[in-house]
Amino acid sequence: PDARGPEHQSAAALASLAAERLAAGAEFLPPTPLYLRRPD
């Protein structure tokens, strides 16, 4: 009931988060898909 924006993903936010994590020496996920369920 308390739904707010943003509604959609933003690569700008993703890039900003990545820049912070790179500066902190944090680890990243491998570029493999996170499906959470099998395809149709």
ModelCIF file with pLDDT and N, C-alpha, C, O atoms, coordinates in Angstrom:
data_MODEL
#
_entry.id   MODEL 
#
_entity.id                         1 
_entity.type                       polymer 
_entity.pdbx_number_of_molecules   1 
#
_entity_poly.entity_id                      1 
_entity_poly.type                           'polypeptide(L)' 
_entity_poly.nstd_linkage                   no 
_entity_poly.nstd_monomer                   no 
_entity_poly.pdbx_seq_one_letter_code       PDARGPEHQSAAALASLAAERLAAGAEFLPPTPLYLRRPD 
_entity_poly.pdbx_seq_one_letter_code_can   PDARGPEHQSAAALASLAAERLAAGAEFLPPTPLYLRRPD 
_entity_poly.pdbx_strand_id                 A 
#
loop_
_entity_poly_seq.entity_id 
_entity_poly_seq.num 
_entity_poly_seq.mon_id 
_entity_poly_seq.hetero 
1 1  PRO n 
1 2  ASP n 
1 3  ALA n 
1 4  ARG n 
1 5  GLY n 
1 6  PRO n 
1 7  GLU n 
1 8  HIS n 
1 9  GLN n 
1 10 SER n 
1 11 ALA n 
1 12 ALA n 
1 13 ALA n 
1 14 LEU n 
1 15 ALA n 
1 16 SER n 
1 17 LEU n 
1 18 ALA n 
1 19 ALA n 
1 20 GLU n 
1 21 ARG n 
1 22 LEU n 
1 23 ALA n 
1 24 ALA n 
1 25 GLY n 
1 26 ALA n 
1 27 GLU n 
1 28 PHE n 
1 29 LEU n 
1 30 PRO n 
1 31 PRO n 
1 32 THR n 
1 33 PRO n 
1 34 LEU n 
1 35 TYR n 
1 36 LEU n 
1 37 ARG n 
1 38 ARG n 
1 39 PRO n 
1 40 ASP n 
#
_struct_asym.id          A 
_struct_asym.entity_id   1 
#
loop_
_ma_qa_metric.id 
_ma_qa_metric.mode 
_ma_qa_metric.name 
_ma_qa_metric.software_group_id 
_ma_qa_metric.type 
1 global pLDDT . pLDDT 
2 local  pLDDT . pLDDT 
#
_ma_qa_metric_global.metric_id      1 
_ma_qa_metric_global.metric_value   91.38 
_ma_qa_metric_global.model_id       1 
_ma_qa_metric_global.ordinal_id     1 
#
loop_
_ma_qa_metric_local.label_asym_id 
_ma_qa_metric_local.label_comp_id 
_ma_qa_metric_local.label_seq_id 
_ma_qa_metric_local.metric_id 
_ma_qa_metric_local.metric_value 
_ma_qa_metric_local.model_id 
_ma_qa_metric_local.ordinal_id 
A PRO 1  2 97.00 1 1  
A ASP 2  2 96.00 1 2  
A ALA 3  2 96.00 1 3  
A ARG 4  2 91.00 1 4  
A GLY 5  2 86.00 1 5  
A PRO 6  2 94.00 1 6  
A GLU 7  2 94.00 1 7  
A HIS 8  2 94.00 1 8  
A GLN 9  2 95.00 1 9  
A SER 10 2 95.00 1 10 
A ALA 11 2 97.00 1 11 
A ALA 12 2 97.00 1 12 
A ALA 13 2 97.00 1 13 
A LEU 14 2 97.00 1 14 
A ALA 15 2 98.00 1 15 
A SER 16 2 98.00 1 16 
A LEU 17 2 98.00 1 17 
A ALA 18 2 98.00 1 18 
A ALA 19 2 98.00 1 19 
A GLU 20 2 97.00 1 20 
A ARG 21 2 97.00 1 21 
A LEU 22 2 97.00 1 22 
A ALA 23 2 96.00 1 23 
A ALA 24 2 96.00 1 24 
A GLY 25 2 96.00 1 25 
A ALA 26 2 95.00 1 26 
A GLU 27 2 95.00 1 27 
A PHE 28 2 98.00 1 28 
A LEU 29 2 97.00 1 29 
A PRO 30 2 96.00 1 30 
A PRO 31 2 95.00 1 31 
A THR 32 2 95.00 1 32 
A PRO 33 2 94.00 1 33 
A LEU 34 2 92.00 1 34 
A TYR 35 2 90.00 1 35 
A LEU 36 2 88.00 1 36 
A ARG 37 2 72.00 1 37 
A ARG 38 2 54.00 1 38 
A PRO 39 2 50.00 1 39 
A ASP 40 2 49.00 1 40 
#
loop_
_atom_site.group_PDB 
_atom_site.id 
_atom_site.type_symbol 
_atom_site.label_atom_id 
_atom_site.label_alt_id 
_atom_site.label_comp_id 
_atom_site.label_asym_id 
_atom_site.label_entity_id 
_atom_site.label_seq_id 
_atom_site.pdbx_PDB_ins_code 
_atom_site.Cartn_x 
_atom_site.Cartn_y 
_atom_site.Cartn_z 
_atom_site.occupancy 
_atom_site.B_iso_or_equiv 
_atom_site.pdbx_formal_charge 
_atom_site.auth_seq_id 
_atom_site.auth_comp_id 
_atom_site.auth_asym_id 
_atom_site.auth_atom_id 
_atom_site.pdbx_PDB_model_num 
ATOM 1   N N  . PRO A 1 1  ? 0.810  -1.231  0.000   1.00 97.00 ? 1  PRO A N  1 
ATOM 2   C CA . PRO A 1 1  ? 0.000  0.000   0.000   1.00 97.00 ? 1  PRO A CA 1 
ATOM 3   C C  . PRO A 1 1  ? 0.844  1.283   0.000   1.00 97.00 ? 1  PRO A C  1 
ATOM 4   O O  . PRO A 1 1  ? 0.361  2.342   -0.400  1.00 97.00 ? 1  PRO A O  1 
ATOM 5   N N  . ASP A 1 2  ? 2.095  1.189   0.445   1.00 96.00 ? 2  ASP A N  1 
ATOM 6   C CA . ASP A 1 2  ? 2.966  2.363   0.470   1.00 96.00 ? 2  ASP A CA 1 
ATOM 7   C C  . ASP A 1 2  ? 3.989  2.259   -0.659  1.00 96.00 ? 2  ASP A C  1 
ATOM 8   O O  . ASP A 1 2  ? 5.194  2.352   -0.424  1.00 96.00 ? 2  ASP A O  1 
ATOM 9   N N  . ALA A 1 3  ? 3.499  2.064   -1.888  1.00 96.00 ? 3  ALA A N  1 
ATOM 10  C CA . ALA A 1 3  ? 4.382  1.952   -3.055  1.00 96.00 ? 3  ALA A CA 1 
ATOM 11  C C  . ALA A 1 3  ? 4.824  3.335   -3.506  1.00 96.00 ? 3  ALA A C  1 
ATOM 12  O O  . ALA A 1 3  ? 4.022  4.266   -3.578  1.00 96.00 ? 3  ALA A O  1 
ATOM 13  N N  . ARG A 1 4  ? 6.114  3.456   -3.810  1.00 91.00 ? 4  ARG A N  1 
ATOM 14  C CA . ARG A 1 4  ? 6.688  4.741   -4.199  1.00 91.00 ? 4  ARG A CA 1 
ATOM 15  C C  . ARG A 1 4  ? 7.600  4.549   -5.403  1.00 91.00 ? 4  ARG A C  1 
ATOM 16  O O  . ARG A 1 4  ? 7.849  3.425   -5.837  1.00 91.00 ? 4  ARG A O  1 
ATOM 17  N N  . GLY A 1 5  ? 8.102  5.678   -5.941  1.00 86.00 ? 5  GLY A N  1 
ATOM 18  C CA . GLY A 1 5  ? 9.090  5.599   -6.994  1.00 86.00 ? 5  GLY A CA 1 
ATOM 19  C C  . GLY A 1 5  ? 10.473 5.367   -6.393  1.00 86.00 ? 5  GLY A C  1 
ATOM 20  O O  . GLY A 1 5  ? 10.663 5.559   -5.192  1.00 86.00 ? 5  GLY A O  1 
ATOM 21  N N  . PRO A 1 6  ? 11.438 4.958   -7.213  1.00 94.00 ? 6  PRO A N  1 
ATOM 22  C CA . PRO A 1 6  ? 11.349 4.793   -8.658  1.00 94.00 ? 6  PRO A CA 1 
ATOM 23  C C  . PRO A 1 6  ? 10.617 3.514   -9.063  1.00 94.00 ? 6  PRO A C  1 
ATOM 24  O O  . PRO A 1 6  ? 10.644 2.507   -8.356  1.00 94.00 ? 6  PRO A O  1 
ATOM 25  N N  . GLU A 1 7  ? 9.961  3.588   -10.223 1.00 94.00 ? 7  GLU A N  1 
ATOM 26  C CA . GLU A 1 7  ? 9.237  2.418   -10.729 1.00 94.00 ? 7  GLU A CA 1 
ATOM 27  C C  . GLU A 1 7  ? 10.154 1.483   -11.489 1.00 94.00 ? 7  GLU A C  1 
ATOM 28  O O  . GLU A 1 7  ? 10.030 0.264   -11.373 1.00 94.00 ? 7  GLU A O  1 
ATOM 29  N N  . HIS A 1 8  ? 11.081 2.041   -12.270 1.00 94.00 ? 8  HIS A N  1 
ATOM 30  C CA . HIS A 1 8  ? 11.913 1.232   -13.156 1.00 94.00 ? 8  HIS A CA 1 
ATOM 31  C C  . HIS A 1 8  ? 13.398 1.348   -12.812 1.00 94.00 ? 8  HIS A C  1 
ATOM 32  O O  . HIS A 1 8  ? 13.837 2.295   -12.160 1.00 94.00 ? 8  HIS A O  1 
ATOM 33  N N  . GLN A 1 9  ? 14.139 0.368   -13.264 1.00 95.00 ? 9  GLN A N  1 
ATOM 34  C CA . GLN A 1 9  ? 15.578 0.326   -13.043 1.00 95.00 ? 9  GLN A CA 1 
ATOM 35  C C  . GLN A 1 9  ? 16.277 1.483   -13.755 1.00 95.00 ? 9  GLN A C  1 
ATOM 36  O O  . GLN A 1 9  ? 15.814 1.960   -14.792 1.00 95.00 ? 9  GLN A O  1 
ATOM 37  N N  . SER A 1 10 ? 17.387 1.923   -13.190 1.00 95.00 ? 10 SER A N  1 
ATOM 38  C CA . SER A 1 10 ? 18.189 3.006   -13.751 1.00 95.00 ? 10 SER A CA 1 
ATOM 39  C C  . SER A 1 10 ? 19.649 2.574   -13.796 1.00 95.00 ? 10 SER A C  1 
ATOM 40  O O  . SER A 1 10 ? 20.247 2.272   -12.764 1.00 95.00 ? 10 SER A O  1 
ATOM 41  N N  . ALA A 1 11 ? 20.219 2.548   -14.999 1.00 97.00 ? 11 ALA A N  1 
ATOM 42  C CA . ALA A 1 11 ? 21.643 2.213   -15.116 1.00 97.00 ? 11 ALA A CA 1 
ATOM 43  C C  . ALA A 1 11 ? 22.509 3.276   -14.464 1.00 97.00 ? 11 ALA A C  1 
ATOM 44  O O  . ALA A 1 11 ? 23.628 2.989   -14.039 1.00 97.00 ? 11 ALA A O  1 
ATOM 45  N N  . ALA A 1 12 ? 22.001 4.506   -14.380 1.00 97.00 ? 12 ALA A N  1 
ATOM 46  C CA . ALA A 1 12 ? 22.751 5.562   -13.701 1.00 97.00 ? 12 ALA A CA 1 
ATOM 47  C C  . ALA A 1 12 ? 22.953 5.211   -12.234 1.00 97.00 ? 12 ALA A C  1 
ATOM 48  O O  . ALA A 1 12 ? 24.048 5.373   -11.694 1.00 97.00 ? 12 ALA A O  1 
ATOM 49  N N  . ALA A 1 13 ? 21.884 4.727   -11.585 1.00 97.00 ? 13 ALA A N  1 
ATOM 50  C CA . ALA A 1 13 ? 21.998 4.304   -10.190 1.00 97.00 ? 13 ALA A CA 1 
ATOM 51  C C  . ALA A 1 13 ? 22.906 3.086   -10.061 1.00 97.00 ? 13 ALA A C  1 
ATOM 52  O O  . ALA A 1 13 ? 23.705 2.996   -9.129  1.00 97.00 ? 13 ALA A O  1 
ATOM 53  N N  . LEU A 1 14 ? 22.780 2.154   -10.997 1.00 97.00 ? 14 LEU A N  1 
ATOM 54  C CA . LEU A 1 14 ? 23.609 0.946   -10.974 1.00 97.00 ? 14 LEU A CA 1 
ATOM 55  C C  . LEU A 1 14 ? 25.084 1.315   -11.115 1.00 97.00 ? 14 LEU A C  1 
ATOM 56  O O  . LEU A 1 14 ? 25.937 0.766   -10.416 1.00 97.00 ? 14 LEU A O  1 
ATOM 57  N N  . ALA A 1 15 ? 25.380 2.245   -12.020 1.00 98.00 ? 15 ALA A N  1 
ATOM 58  C CA . ALA A 1 15 ? 26.765 2.675   -12.217 1.00 98.00 ? 15 ALA A CA 1 
ATOM 59  C C  . ALA A 1 15 ? 27.306 3.400   -10.999 1.00 98.00 ? 15 ALA A C  1 
ATOM 60  O O  . ALA A 1 15 ? 28.461 3.207   -10.620 1.00 98.00 ? 15 ALA A O  1 
ATOM 61  N N  . SER A 1 16 ? 26.477 4.232   -10.384 1.00 98.00 ? 16 SER A N  1 
ATOM 62  C CA . SER A 1 16 ? 26.919 4.956   -9.186  1.00 98.00 ? 16 SER A CA 1 
ATOM 63  C C  . SER A 1 16 ? 27.216 3.990   -8.041  1.00 98.00 ? 16 SER A C  1 
ATOM 64  O O  . SER A 1 16 ? 28.194 4.159   -7.312  1.00 98.00 ? 16 SER A O  1 
ATOM 65  N N  . LEU A 1 17 ? 26.364 2.979   -7.892  1.00 98.00 ? 17 LEU A N  1 
ATOM 66  C CA . LEU A 1 17 ? 26.599 1.961   -6.866  1.00 98.00 ? 17 LEU A CA 1 
ATOM 67  C C  . LEU A 1 17 ? 27.891 1.198   -7.161  1.00 98.00 ? 17 LEU A C  1 
ATOM 68  O O  . LEU A 1 17 ? 28.680 0.934   -6.254  1.00 98.00 ? 17 LEU A O  1 
ATOM 69  N N  . ALA A 1 18 ? 28.104 0.847   -8.420  1.00 98.00 ? 18 ALA A N  1 
ATOM 70  C CA . ALA A 1 18 ? 29.320 0.127   -8.795  1.00 98.00 ? 18 ALA A CA 1 
ATOM 71  C C  . ALA A 1 18 ? 30.566 0.969   -8.520  1.00 98.00 ? 18 ALA A C  1 
ATOM 72  O O  . ALA A 1 18 ? 31.571 0.446   -8.039  1.00 98.00 ? 18 ALA A O  1 
ATOM 73  N N  . ALA A 1 19 ? 30.507 2.258   -8.819  1.00 98.00 ? 19 ALA A N  1 
ATOM 74  C CA . ALA A 1 19 ? 31.657 3.136   -8.571  1.00 98.00 ? 19 ALA A CA 1 
ATOM 75  C C  . ALA A 1 19 ? 31.991 3.178   -7.087  1.00 98.00 ? 19 ALA A C  1 
ATOM 76  O O  . ALA A 1 19 ? 33.163 3.167   -6.712  1.00 98.00 ? 19 ALA A O  1 
ATOM 77  N N  . GLU A 1 20 ? 30.961 3.225   -6.237  1.00 97.00 ? 20 GLU A N  1 
ATOM 78  C CA . GLU A 1 20 ? 31.192 3.199   -4.786  1.00 97.00 ? 20 GLU A CA 1 
ATOM 79  C C  . GLU A 1 20 ? 31.847 1.894   -4.360  1.00 97.00 ? 20 GLU A C  1 
ATOM 80  O O  . GLU A 1 20 ? 32.787 1.888   -3.566  1.00 97.00 ? 20 GLU A O  1 
ATOM 81  N N  . ARG A 1 21 ? 31.342 0.792   -4.896  1.00 97.00 ? 21 ARG A N  1 
ATOM 82  C CA . ARG A 1 21 ? 31.874 -0.517  -4.498  1.00 97.00 ? 21 ARG A CA 1 
ATOM 83  C C  . ARG A 1 21 ? 33.289 -0.718  -5.009  1.00 97.00 ? 21 ARG A C  1 
ATOM 84  O O  . ARG A 1 21 ? 34.114 -1.316  -4.318  1.00 97.00 ? 21 ARG A O  1 
ATOM 85  N N  . LEU A 1 22 ? 33.580 -0.235  -6.193  1.00 97.00 ? 22 LEU A N  1 
ATOM 86  C CA . LEU A 1 22 ? 34.946 -0.326  -6.706  1.00 97.00 ? 22 LEU A CA 1 
ATOM 87  C C  . LEU A 1 22 ? 35.902 0.475   -5.829  1.00 97.00 ? 22 LEU A C  1 
ATOM 88  O O  . LEU A 1 22 ? 37.004 0.015   -5.530  1.00 97.00 ? 22 LEU A O  1 
ATOM 89  N N  . ALA A 1 23 ? 35.491 1.658   -5.422  1.00 96.00 ? 23 ALA A N  1 
ATOM 90  C CA . ALA A 1 23 ? 36.336 2.496   -4.571  1.00 96.00 ? 23 ALA A CA 1 
ATOM 91  C C  . ALA A 1 23 ? 36.592 1.844   -3.224  1.00 96.00 ? 23 ALA A C  1 
ATOM 92  O O  . ALA A 1 23 ? 37.644 2.047   -2.618  1.00 96.00 ? 23 ALA A O  1 
ATOM 93  N N  . ALA A 1 24 ? 35.613 1.046   -2.749  1.00 96.00 ? 24 ALA A N  1 
ATOM 94  C CA . ALA A 1 24 ? 35.743 0.384   -1.457  1.00 96.00 ? 24 ALA A CA 1 
ATOM 95  C C  . ALA A 1 24 ? 36.402 -0.989  -1.563  1.00 96.00 ? 24 ALA A C  1 
ATOM 96  O O  . ALA A 1 24 ? 36.626 -1.649  -0.549  1.00 96.00 ? 24 ALA A O  1 
ATOM 97  N N  . GLY A 1 25 ? 36.712 -1.419  -2.783  1.00 96.00 ? 25 GLY A N  1 
ATOM 98  C CA . GLY A 1 25 ? 37.326 -2.726  -2.974  1.00 96.00 ? 25 GLY A CA 1 
ATOM 99  C C  . GLY A 1 25 ? 36.372 -3.883  -2.762  1.00 96.00 ? 25 GLY A C  1 
ATOM 100 O O  . GLY A 1 25 ? 36.803 -4.989  -2.436  1.00 96.00 ? 25 GLY A O  1 
ATOM 101 N N  . ALA A 1 26 ? 35.074 -3.645  -2.943  1.00 95.00 ? 26 ALA A N  1 
ATOM 102 C CA . ALA A 1 26 ? 34.071 -4.682  -2.718  1.00 95.00 ? 26 ALA A CA 1 
ATOM 103 C C  . ALA A 1 26 ? 34.046 -5.678  -3.882  1.00 95.00 ? 26 ALA A C  1 
ATOM 104 O O  . ALA A 1 26 ? 34.516 -5.379  -4.980  1.00 95.00 ? 26 ALA A O  1 
ATOM 105 N N  . GLU A 1 27 ? 33.497 -6.849  -3.625  1.00 95.00 ? 27 GLU A N  1 
ATOM 106 C CA . GLU A 1 27 ? 33.373 -7.877  -4.660  1.00 95.00 ? 27 GLU A CA 1 
ATOM 107 C C  . GLU A 1 27 ? 32.089 -7.673  -5.455  1.00 95.00 ? 27 GLU A C  1 
ATOM 108 O O  . GLU A 1 27 ? 31.136 -7.051  -4.986  1.00 95.00 ? 27 GLU A O  1 
ATOM 109 N N  . PHE A 1 28 ? 32.090 -8.214  -6.667  1.00 98.00 ? 28 PHE A N  1 
ATOM 110 C CA . PHE A 1 28 ? 30.926 -8.136  -7.543  1.00 98.00 ? 28 PHE A CA 1 
ATOM 111 C C  . PHE A 1 28 ? 30.456 -9.541  -7.908  1.00 98.00 ? 28 PHE A C  1 
ATOM 112 O O  . PHE A 1 28 ? 31.170 -10.520 -7.690  1.00 98.00 ? 28 PHE A O  1 
ATOM 113 N N  . LEU A 1 29 ? 29.263 -9.628  -8.459  1.00 97.00 ? 29 LEU A N  1 
ATOM 114 C CA . LEU A 1 29 ? 28.731 -10.888 -8.936  1.00 97.00 ? 29 LEU A CA 1 
ATOM 115 C C  . LEU A 1 29 ? 29.285 -11.196 -10.319 1.00 97.00 ? 29 LEU A C  1 
ATOM 116 O O  . LEU A 1 29 ? 29.630 -10.276 -11.060 1.00 97.00 ? 29 LEU A O  1 
ATOM 117 N N  . PRO A 1 30 ? 29.376 -12.469 -10.679 1.00 96.00 ? 30 PRO A N  1 
ATOM 118 C CA . PRO A 1 30 ? 29.774 -12.796 -12.047 1.00 96.00 ? 30 PRO A CA 1 
ATOM 119 C C  . PRO A 1 30 ? 28.655 -12.403 -13.012 1.00 96.00 ? 30 PRO A C  1 
ATOM 120 O O  . PRO A 1 30 ? 27.496 -12.332 -12.601 1.00 96.00 ? 30 PRO A O  1 
ATOM 121 N N  . PRO A 1 31 ? 28.970 -12.147 -14.277 1.00 95.00 ? 31 PRO A N  1 
ATOM 122 C CA . PRO A 1 31 ? 27.956 -11.743 -15.249 1.00 95.00 ? 31 PRO A CA 1 
ATOM 123 C C  . PRO A 1 31 ? 27.138 -12.926 -15.757 1.00 95.00 ? 31 PRO A C  1 
ATOM 124 O O  . PRO A 1 31 ? 27.105 -13.211 -16.954 1.00 95.00 ? 31 PRO A O  1 
ATOM 125 N N  . THR A 1 32 ? 26.489 -13.597 -14.839 1.00 95.00 ? 32 THR A N  1 
ATOM 126 C CA . THR A 1 32 ? 25.625 -14.729 -15.171 1.00 95.00 ? 32 THR A CA 1 
ATOM 127 C C  . THR A 1 32 ? 24.211 -14.437 -14.685 1.00 95.00 ? 32 THR A C  1 
ATOM 128 O O  . THR A 1 32 ? 24.035 -13.760 -13.672 1.00 95.00 ? 32 THR A O  1 
ATOM 129 N N  . PRO A 1 33 ? 23.197 -14.938 -15.395 1.00 94.00 ? 33 PRO A N  1 
ATOM 130 C CA . PRO A 1 33 ? 21.813 -14.548 -15.101 1.00 94.00 ? 33 PRO A CA 1 
ATOM 131 C C  . PRO A 1 33 ? 21.287 -15.103 -13.789 1.00 94.00 ? 33 PRO A C  1 
ATOM 132 O O  . PRO A 1 33 ? 21.505 -16.267 -13.451 1.00 94.00 ? 33 PRO A O  1 
ATOM 133 N N  . LEU A 1 34 ? 20.594 -14.247 -13.062 1.00 92.00 ? 34 LEU A N  1 
ATOM 134 C CA . LEU A 1 34 ? 19.912 -14.646 -11.843 1.00 92.00 ? 34 LEU A CA 1 
ATOM 135 C C  . LEU A 1 34 ? 18.429 -14.794 -12.193 1.00 92.00 ? 34 LEU A C  1 
ATOM 136 O O  . LEU A 1 34 ? 17.671 -13.825 -12.154 1.00 92.00 ? 34 LEU A O  1 
ATOM 137 N N  . TYR A 1 35 ? 18.032 -16.020 -12.534 1.00 90.00 ? 35 TYR A N  1 
ATOM 138 C CA . TYR A 1 35 ? 16.665 -16.254 -12.984 1.00 90.00 ? 35 TYR A CA 1 
ATOM 139 C C  . TYR A 1 35 ? 15.696 -16.497 -11.828 1.00 90.00 ? 35 TYR A C  1 
ATOM 140 O O  . TYR A 1 35 ? 14.583 -15.971 -11.831 1.00 90.00 ? 35 TYR A O  1 
ATOM 141 N N  . LEU A 1 36 ? 16.111 -17.286 -10.849 1.00 88.00 ? 36 LEU A N  1 
ATOM 142 C CA . LEU A 1 36 ? 15.313 -17.706 -9.690  1.00 88.00 ? 36 LEU A CA 1 
ATOM 143 C C  . LEU A 1 36 ? 14.229 -18.718 -10.034 1.00 88.00 ? 36 LEU A C  1 
ATOM 144 O O  . LEU A 1 36 ? 13.572 -19.243 -9.136  1.00 88.00 ? 36 LEU A O  1 
ATOM 145 N N  . ARG A 1 37 ? 14.034 -18.998 -11.312 1.00 72.00 ? 37 ARG A N  1 
ATOM 146 C CA . ARG A 1 37 ? 13.103 -20.071 -11.693 1.00 72.00 ? 37 ARG A CA 1 
ATOM 147 C C  . ARG A 1 37 ? 13.491 -20.523 -13.088 1.00 72.00 ? 37 ARG A C  1 
ATOM 148 O O  . ARG A 1 37 ? 14.212 -19.826 -13.803 1.00 72.00 ? 37 ARG A O  1 
ATOM 149 N N  . ARG A 1 38 ? 13.004 -21.701 -13.469 1.00 54.00 ? 38 ARG A N  1 
ATOM 150 C CA . ARG A 1 38 ? 13.352 -22.255 -14.769 1.00 54.00 ? 38 ARG A CA 1 
ATOM 151 C C  . ARG A 1 38 ? 12.589 -21.545 -15.885 1.00 54.00 ? 38 ARG A C  1 
ATOM 152 O O  . ARG A 1 38 ? 11.482 -21.055 -15.663 1.00 54.00 ? 38 ARG A O  1 
ATOM 153 N N  . PRO A 1 39 ? 13.177 -21.487 -17.095 1.00 50.00 ? 39 PRO A N  1 
ATOM 154 C CA . PRO A 1 39 ? 12.479 -20.842 -18.211 1.00 50.00 ? 39 PRO A CA 1 
ATOM 155 C C  . PRO A 1 39 ? 11.219 -21.593 -18.597 1.00 50.00 ? 39 PRO A C  1 
ATOM 156 O O  . PRO A 1 39 ? 11.054 -22.759 -18.238 1.00 50.00 ? 39 PRO A O  1 
ATOM 157 N N  . ASP A 1 40 ? 10.325 -20.928 -19.330 1.00 49.00 ? 40 ASP A N  1 
ATOM 158 C CA . ASP A 1 40 ? 9.063  -21.547 -19.739 1.00 49.00 ? 40 ASP A CA 1 
ATOM 159 C C  . ASP A 1 40 ? 9.296  -22.761 -20.630 1.00 49.00 ? 40 ASP A C  1 
ATOM 160 O O  . ASP A 1 40 ? 8.339  -23.401 -21.065 1.00 49.00 ? 40 ASP A O  1 
#
